[in-house]
N, C-alpha and C. Protein backbone atom coordinates (compact mmCIF):
# COMPACT_ATOMS: atom_id res chain seq x y z
N UNK A 1 30.10 -14.71 4.23
CA UNK A 1 31.69 -15.33 4.18
C UNK A 1 31.71 -16.08 2.98
N UNK A 2 31.17 -17.17 2.74
CA UNK A 2 31.23 -18.35 1.62
C UNK A 2 30.58 -17.42 0.61
N UNK A 3 29.60 -16.58 0.47
CA UNK A 3 28.54 -16.04 -0.51
C UNK A 3 30.07 -15.36 -1.71
N UNK A 4 31.02 -14.60 -0.43
CA UNK A 4 31.67 -13.18 -0.98
C UNK A 4 33.16 -14.59 -1.93
N UNK A 5 33.53 -15.71 -1.04
CA UNK A 5 34.23 -16.85 -1.74
C UNK A 5 33.80 -16.91 -2.85
N UNK A 6 32.59 -17.61 -3.15
CA UNK A 6 31.89 -18.19 -4.28
C UNK A 6 32.26 -16.89 -5.65
N UNK A 7 31.46 -15.70 -5.07
CA UNK A 7 32.20 -14.61 -5.76
C UNK A 7 33.02 -14.44 -6.68
N UNK A 8 33.66 -14.47 -5.54
CA UNK A 8 35.42 -14.16 -5.77
C UNK A 8 36.17 -14.83 -7.15
N UNK A 9 35.34 -16.38 -6.59
CA UNK A 9 36.27 -17.71 -7.71
C UNK A 9 35.23 -17.28 -9.04
N UNK A 10 33.81 -16.57 -9.30
CA UNK A 10 33.31 -16.70 -10.65
C UNK A 10 34.15 -15.45 -10.95
N UNK A 11 34.06 -14.53 -10.37
CA UNK A 11 34.89 -13.53 -10.95
C UNK A 11 36.02 -13.79 -11.44
N UNK A 12 37.00 -14.44 -11.06
CA UNK A 12 38.22 -15.00 -11.27
C UNK A 12 37.83 -16.16 -12.75
N UNK A 13 37.11 -16.86 -12.79
CA UNK A 13 36.56 -17.69 -13.88
C UNK A 13 36.29 -16.68 -15.14
N UNK A 14 35.18 -15.63 -14.87
CA UNK A 14 34.97 -15.06 -16.48
C UNK A 14 36.20 -14.23 -16.71
N UNK A 15 36.95 -14.05 -15.41
CA UNK A 15 38.06 -12.68 -16.38
C UNK A 15 38.94 -13.48 -17.08
N UNK A 16 38.83 -14.82 -16.30
CA UNK A 16 40.12 -15.60 -17.37
C UNK A 16 39.88 -15.97 -18.69
N UNK A 17 38.49 -16.20 -18.72
CA UNK A 17 37.54 -17.02 -19.41
C UNK A 17 37.19 -16.00 -21.06
N UNK A 18 37.21 -14.71 -20.47
CA UNK A 18 36.23 -13.61 -21.14
C UNK A 18 37.61 -12.38 -21.63
N UNK A 19 38.61 -12.26 -20.79
CA UNK A 19 39.33 -10.93 -20.95
C UNK A 19 40.42 -10.92 -22.36
N UNK A 20 40.97 -12.34 -21.96
CA UNK A 20 41.94 -12.60 -23.47
C UNK A 20 41.31 -12.10 -24.48
N UNK A 21 39.61 -12.58 -24.79
CA UNK A 21 39.03 -12.83 -25.93
C UNK A 21 38.53 -10.95 -26.07
N UNK A 22 38.48 -10.57 -25.22
CA UNK A 22 38.01 -8.91 -25.00
C UNK A 22 39.27 -8.45 -25.72
N UNK A 23 40.63 -8.54 -24.98
CA UNK A 23 41.67 -7.76 -25.66
C UNK A 23 42.30 -8.17 -27.03
N UNK A 24 42.06 -9.37 -27.92
CA UNK A 24 42.22 -9.72 -28.67
C UNK A 24 41.28 -8.94 -29.91
N UNK A 25 40.26 -8.53 -29.54
CA UNK A 25 39.41 -7.76 -30.05
C UNK A 25 39.43 -6.39 -30.02
N UNK A 26 39.85 -5.80 -29.26
CA UNK A 26 40.16 -4.25 -28.98
C UNK A 26 41.48 -4.12 -29.66
N UNK A 27 42.35 -4.74 -29.75
CA UNK A 27 44.16 -5.07 -30.64
C UNK A 27 43.54 -5.18 -32.06
N UNK A 28 42.56 -5.78 -32.21
CA UNK A 28 42.30 -5.88 -33.71
C UNK A 28 41.80 -4.49 -34.23
N UNK A 29 40.68 -3.87 -33.38
CA UNK A 29 39.82 -2.79 -33.33
C UNK A 29 40.79 -1.44 -33.23
N UNK A 30 41.81 -1.06 -32.26
CA UNK A 30 42.54 -0.38 -32.21
C UNK A 30 43.98 0.12 -32.85
N UNK A 31 44.28 -1.45 -32.53
CA UNK A 31 45.63 -1.86 -33.55
C UNK A 31 47.30 -1.27 -32.45
N UNK A 32 46.61 -0.99 -31.27
CA UNK A 32 47.76 -0.22 -29.88
C UNK A 32 47.25 -1.45 -29.05
N UNK A 33 48.91 -2.33 -28.30
CA UNK A 33 48.52 -2.70 -27.42
C UNK A 33 48.43 -2.20 -25.93
N UNK A 34 48.46 -1.01 -26.18
CA UNK A 34 48.17 -0.58 -24.61
C UNK A 34 46.81 0.35 -24.68
N UNK A 35 46.22 0.94 -25.71
CA UNK A 35 44.95 1.19 -25.80
C UNK A 35 44.04 0.12 -25.72
N UNK A 36 44.59 -1.42 -26.60
CA UNK A 36 43.75 -2.09 -26.09
C UNK A 36 43.25 -3.02 -24.57
N UNK A 37 44.42 -2.80 -23.93
CA UNK A 37 44.34 -3.40 -22.29
C UNK A 37 43.56 -2.60 -21.98
N UNK A 38 43.46 -1.25 -22.31
CA UNK A 38 42.65 -0.16 -21.73
C UNK A 38 41.16 -0.32 -21.65
N UNK A 39 40.62 -0.54 -23.43
CA UNK A 39 39.27 -1.38 -23.70
C UNK A 39 39.12 -1.98 -23.63
N UNK A 40 39.99 -3.29 -23.27
CA UNK A 40 39.29 -4.48 -22.61
C UNK A 40 38.88 -4.49 -20.82
N UNK A 41 39.88 -3.78 -20.45
CA UNK A 41 39.55 -3.88 -18.78
C UNK A 41 38.31 -2.78 -18.82
N UNK A 42 38.24 -1.55 -19.52
CA UNK A 42 37.00 -0.54 -19.41
C UNK A 42 35.85 -1.33 -19.35
N UNK A 43 35.72 -2.38 -20.87
CA UNK A 43 34.67 -3.40 -21.13
C UNK A 43 34.06 -4.22 -20.18
N UNK A 44 35.60 -4.73 -19.38
CA UNK A 44 34.80 -5.59 -18.54
C UNK A 44 34.49 -4.86 -17.35
N UNK A 45 34.98 -4.13 -16.82
CA UNK A 45 34.60 -3.87 -15.39
C UNK A 45 32.39 -3.31 -16.00
N UNK A 46 32.80 -2.39 -17.15
CA UNK A 46 31.02 -2.25 -17.47
C UNK A 46 30.24 -3.29 -17.35
N UNK A 47 30.77 -4.62 -17.91
CA UNK A 47 29.67 -5.80 -17.96
C UNK A 47 29.57 -6.42 -16.89
N UNK A 48 30.64 -6.27 -15.81
CA UNK A 48 31.05 -7.26 -14.48
C UNK A 48 30.40 -6.29 -13.28
N UNK A 49 30.04 -4.32 -13.39
CA UNK A 49 29.85 -3.92 -12.47
C UNK A 49 27.79 -4.03 -12.37
N UNK A 50 27.93 -4.45 -11.05
CA UNK A 50 26.32 -5.04 -10.88
C UNK A 50 25.43 -5.25 -11.54
N UNK A 51 26.00 -6.92 -12.33
CA UNK A 51 25.47 -7.52 -13.27
C UNK A 51 25.21 -9.00 -12.74
N UNK A 52 23.91 -9.27 -12.96
CA UNK A 52 24.31 -11.14 -13.11
C UNK A 52 24.82 -11.74 -13.52
N UNK A 53 26.06 -12.70 -13.18
CA UNK A 53 26.94 -12.84 -14.24
C UNK A 53 26.44 -14.66 -14.52
N UNK A 54 25.00 -14.88 -14.18
CA UNK A 54 25.03 -16.53 -14.09
C UNK A 54 24.31 -17.15 -15.27
N UNK A 55 24.48 -15.65 -16.39
CA UNK A 55 24.21 -16.04 -17.70
C UNK A 55 25.22 -16.14 -18.85
N UNK A 56 26.02 -16.56 -19.07
CA UNK A 56 27.49 -16.21 -19.69
C UNK A 56 27.14 -15.57 -20.64
N UNK A 57 26.33 -16.69 -21.50
CA UNK A 57 25.94 -15.40 -23.15
C UNK A 57 25.77 -14.17 -22.41
N UNK A 58 24.49 -13.79 -22.03
CA UNK A 58 23.99 -12.29 -21.78
C UNK A 58 25.97 -11.24 -21.22
N UNK A 59 26.65 -12.09 -20.35
CA UNK A 59 27.62 -11.57 -20.29
C UNK A 59 28.22 -11.56 -21.06
N UNK A 60 28.25 -12.12 -21.64
CA UNK A 60 29.64 -11.83 -22.71
C UNK A 60 29.01 -10.62 -23.88
N UNK A 61 28.07 -10.31 -24.43
CA UNK A 61 26.91 -9.89 -25.33
C UNK A 61 27.18 -8.51 -24.50
N UNK A 62 27.41 -8.34 -23.25
CA UNK A 62 27.53 -7.23 -22.26
C UNK A 62 29.09 -6.54 -22.22
N UNK A 63 29.95 -8.07 -22.19
CA UNK A 63 31.36 -7.20 -22.76
C UNK A 63 32.08 -6.66 -24.15
N UNK A 64 30.98 -7.31 -24.89
CA UNK A 64 31.44 -7.29 -26.26
C UNK A 64 30.64 -5.81 -26.78
N UNK A 65 29.70 -5.67 -26.09
CA UNK A 65 28.60 -4.06 -26.33
C UNK A 65 29.65 -3.17 -25.66
N UNK A 66 30.13 -3.51 -24.66
CA UNK A 66 31.02 -2.44 -23.37
C UNK A 66 32.41 -1.72 -24.62
N UNK A 67 32.97 -3.05 -25.21
CA UNK A 67 34.01 -2.94 -26.04
C UNK A 67 34.06 -2.16 -27.09
N UNK A 68 33.00 -2.39 -27.81
CA UNK A 68 32.36 -1.36 -28.70
C UNK A 68 32.64 -0.10 -28.48
N UNK A 69 31.90 -0.19 -27.13
CA UNK A 69 31.58 1.57 -26.77
C UNK A 69 33.25 1.97 -26.42
N UNK A 70 34.03 0.97 -25.79
CA UNK A 70 34.70 1.84 -25.39
C UNK A 70 35.90 2.12 -26.30
N UNK A 71 35.89 0.65 -27.19
CA UNK A 71 36.82 1.30 -28.91
C UNK A 71 36.48 2.05 -29.64
N UNK A 72 34.76 2.84 -29.71
CA UNK A 72 34.40 4.11 -29.90
C UNK A 72 35.24 5.53 -29.80
N UNK A 73 35.68 5.14 -28.13
CA UNK A 73 35.63 6.87 -27.79
C UNK A 73 37.33 7.36 -28.20
């Protein structure tokens, strides 16, 4: 149970740290608030799903690469 709680805290911390940056990047690329919110969320979920997030630099790279993919659609 404690491991799950720790994972939840880590998820929350990374979400607060990275999602606003992803959203700003998507807004710049797409120009639409709604499309930017959808692209940022898609990139975040793609990066977080099944990934070891202990290396925040690698995680940020996965987020950014997912954002480029999401914005290209």
